[in-house]
Amino acid sequence: MSILIELVHFLVARKKYWLWPMLIALILIGGLIVLTQGSAIAPFIYTVF
């Protein structure tokens, strides 16, 4: 979690606002994969990628 906080501080300090959408998309996709790992939805998500 500290890496994520450090990344956010870096983005704010360096004014890299164009990276925010990519960071949010990566977090959402990663969370989706982790949350659906053991469910019946998992095979359908893996076919998207």
N, C-alpha and C. Protein backbone atom coordinates (compact mmCIF):
# COMPACT_ATOMS: atom_id res chain seq x y z
N MET A 1 0.82 -1.19 0.00
CA MET A 1 0.00 0.00 0.00
C MET A 1 0.87 1.26 0.00
N SER A 2 2.04 1.18 0.59
CA SER A 2 2.91 2.35 0.63
C SER A 2 3.42 2.72 -0.77
N ILE A 3 3.56 1.72 -1.63
CA ILE A 3 3.99 1.99 -3.00
C ILE A 3 2.93 2.81 -3.73
N LEU A 4 1.67 2.48 -3.50
CA LEU A 4 0.58 3.21 -4.13
C LEU A 4 0.54 4.66 -3.64
N ILE A 5 0.72 4.84 -2.34
CA ILE A 5 0.72 6.20 -1.77
C ILE A 5 1.91 6.99 -2.30
N GLU A 6 3.06 6.34 -2.41
CA GLU A 6 4.24 7.01 -2.95
C GLU A 6 4.03 7.39 -4.41
N LEU A 7 3.38 6.53 -5.17
CA LEU A 7 3.08 6.83 -6.57
C LEU A 7 2.15 8.03 -6.69
N VAL A 8 1.15 8.10 -5.83
CA VAL A 8 0.23 9.24 -5.84
C VAL A 8 0.97 10.53 -5.51
N HIS A 9 1.84 10.48 -4.51
CA HIS A 9 2.62 11.68 -4.18
C HIS A 9 3.52 12.10 -5.33
N PHE A 10 4.10 11.13 -6.03
CA PHE A 10 4.93 11.43 -7.19
C PHE A 10 4.12 12.10 -8.30
N LEU A 11 2.92 11.55 -8.57
CA LEU A 11 2.08 12.12 -9.64
C LEU A 11 1.65 13.53 -9.32
N VAL A 12 1.36 13.81 -8.05
CA VAL A 12 0.95 15.16 -7.67
C VAL A 12 2.14 16.11 -7.71
N ALA A 13 3.30 15.67 -7.21
CA ALA A 13 4.48 16.55 -7.16
C ALA A 13 4.99 16.88 -8.56
N ARG A 14 4.97 15.90 -9.44
CA ARG A 14 5.49 16.12 -10.80
C ARG A 14 4.43 16.61 -11.78
N LYS A 15 3.21 16.77 -11.31
CA LYS A 15 2.08 17.24 -12.13
C LYS A 15 1.86 16.36 -13.35
N LYS A 16 1.87 15.06 -13.12
CA LYS A 16 1.63 14.08 -14.19
C LYS A 16 0.16 13.70 -14.19
N TYR A 17 -0.71 14.65 -14.41
CA TYR A 17 -2.15 14.41 -14.35
C TYR A 17 -2.64 13.51 -15.46
N TRP A 18 -1.91 13.41 -16.54
CA TRP A 18 -2.33 12.57 -17.64
C TRP A 18 -2.19 11.09 -17.32
N LEU A 19 -1.46 10.73 -16.25
CA LEU A 19 -1.30 9.34 -15.86
C LEU A 19 -2.44 8.83 -14.97
N TRP A 20 -3.25 9.74 -14.43
CA TRP A 20 -4.34 9.34 -13.53
C TRP A 20 -5.32 8.36 -14.16
N PRO A 21 -5.81 8.59 -15.38
CA PRO A 21 -6.76 7.63 -15.96
C PRO A 21 -6.16 6.23 -16.13
N MET A 22 -4.89 6.17 -16.50
CA MET A 22 -4.25 4.88 -16.65
C MET A 22 -4.10 4.18 -15.30
N LEU A 23 -3.75 4.90 -14.27
CA LEU A 23 -3.61 4.34 -12.94
C LEU A 23 -4.95 3.83 -12.41
N ILE A 24 -5.99 4.60 -12.62
CA ILE A 24 -7.32 4.18 -12.17
C ILE A 24 -7.78 2.95 -12.93
N ALA A 25 -7.53 2.90 -14.22
CA ALA A 25 -7.93 1.74 -15.02
C ALA A 25 -7.18 0.49 -14.57
N LEU A 26 -5.89 0.60 -14.29
CA LEU A 26 -5.13 -0.55 -13.83
C LEU A 26 -5.63 -1.05 -12.48
N ILE A 27 -5.97 -0.14 -11.58
CA ILE A 27 -6.48 -0.54 -10.27
C ILE A 27 -7.83 -1.23 -10.42
N LEU A 28 -8.70 -0.69 -11.25
CA LEU A 28 -10.02 -1.29 -11.45
C LEU A 28 -9.93 -2.68 -12.09
N ILE A 29 -9.10 -2.82 -13.10
CA ILE A 29 -8.96 -4.12 -13.77
C ILE A 29 -8.33 -5.13 -12.82
N GLY A 30 -7.31 -4.71 -12.07
CA GLY A 30 -6.69 -5.61 -11.10
C GLY A 30 -7.66 -6.03 -10.02
N GLY A 31 -8.46 -5.09 -9.51
CA GLY A 31 -9.45 -5.43 -8.50
C GLY A 31 -10.52 -6.35 -9.03
N LEU A 32 -10.92 -6.14 -10.27
CA LEU A 32 -11.92 -7.01 -10.89
C LEU A 32 -11.41 -8.44 -11.01
N ILE A 33 -10.18 -8.59 -11.41
CA ILE A 33 -9.60 -9.93 -11.55
C ILE A 33 -9.46 -10.60 -10.19
N VAL A 34 -9.04 -9.86 -9.18
CA VAL A 34 -8.88 -10.45 -7.84
C VAL A 34 -10.23 -10.83 -7.25
N LEU A 35 -11.22 -9.98 -7.40
CA LEU A 35 -12.52 -10.25 -6.79
C LEU A 35 -13.28 -11.38 -7.46
N THR A 36 -13.05 -11.60 -8.74
CA THR A 36 -13.80 -12.63 -9.46
C THR A 36 -12.98 -13.89 -9.68
N GLN A 37 -11.88 -14.04 -8.98
CA GLN A 37 -10.99 -15.18 -9.19
C GLN A 37 -11.70 -16.51 -8.95
N GLY A 38 -12.48 -16.61 -7.91
CA GLY A 38 -13.09 -17.89 -7.59
C GLY A 38 -14.54 -18.00 -8.00
N SER A 39 -15.02 -17.14 -8.83
CA SER A 39 -16.44 -17.18 -9.19
C SER A 39 -16.65 -17.74 -10.59
N ALA A 40 -17.90 -17.83 -10.96
CA ALA A 40 -18.25 -18.34 -12.28
C ALA A 40 -18.03 -17.29 -13.37
N ILE A 41 -17.78 -16.06 -12.98
CA ILE A 41 -17.57 -14.99 -13.95
C ILE A 41 -16.15 -15.01 -14.52
N ALA A 42 -15.22 -15.62 -13.80
CA ALA A 42 -13.81 -15.60 -14.16
C ALA A 42 -13.52 -16.04 -15.61
N PRO A 43 -14.10 -17.12 -16.11
CA PRO A 43 -13.78 -17.49 -17.50
C PRO A 43 -14.19 -16.44 -18.53
N PHE A 44 -15.26 -15.73 -18.26
CA PHE A 44 -15.70 -14.70 -19.20
C PHE A 44 -14.80 -13.48 -19.16
N ILE A 45 -14.27 -13.14 -17.98
CA ILE A 45 -13.37 -11.99 -17.87
C ILE A 45 -12.05 -12.30 -18.56
N TYR A 46 -11.55 -13.52 -18.42
CA TYR A 46 -10.27 -13.87 -19.04
C TYR A 46 -10.35 -13.89 -20.56
N THR A 47 -11.53 -14.14 -21.12
CA THR A 47 -11.64 -14.11 -22.56
C THR A 47 -11.58 -12.68 -23.11
N VAL A 48 -11.91 -11.70 -22.28
CA VAL A 48 -11.83 -10.31 -22.71
C VAL A 48 -10.39 -9.90 -22.93
N PHE A 49 -9.49 -10.42 -22.10
CA PHE A 49 -8.08 -10.05 -22.19
C PHE A 49 -7.34 -10.99 -23.11
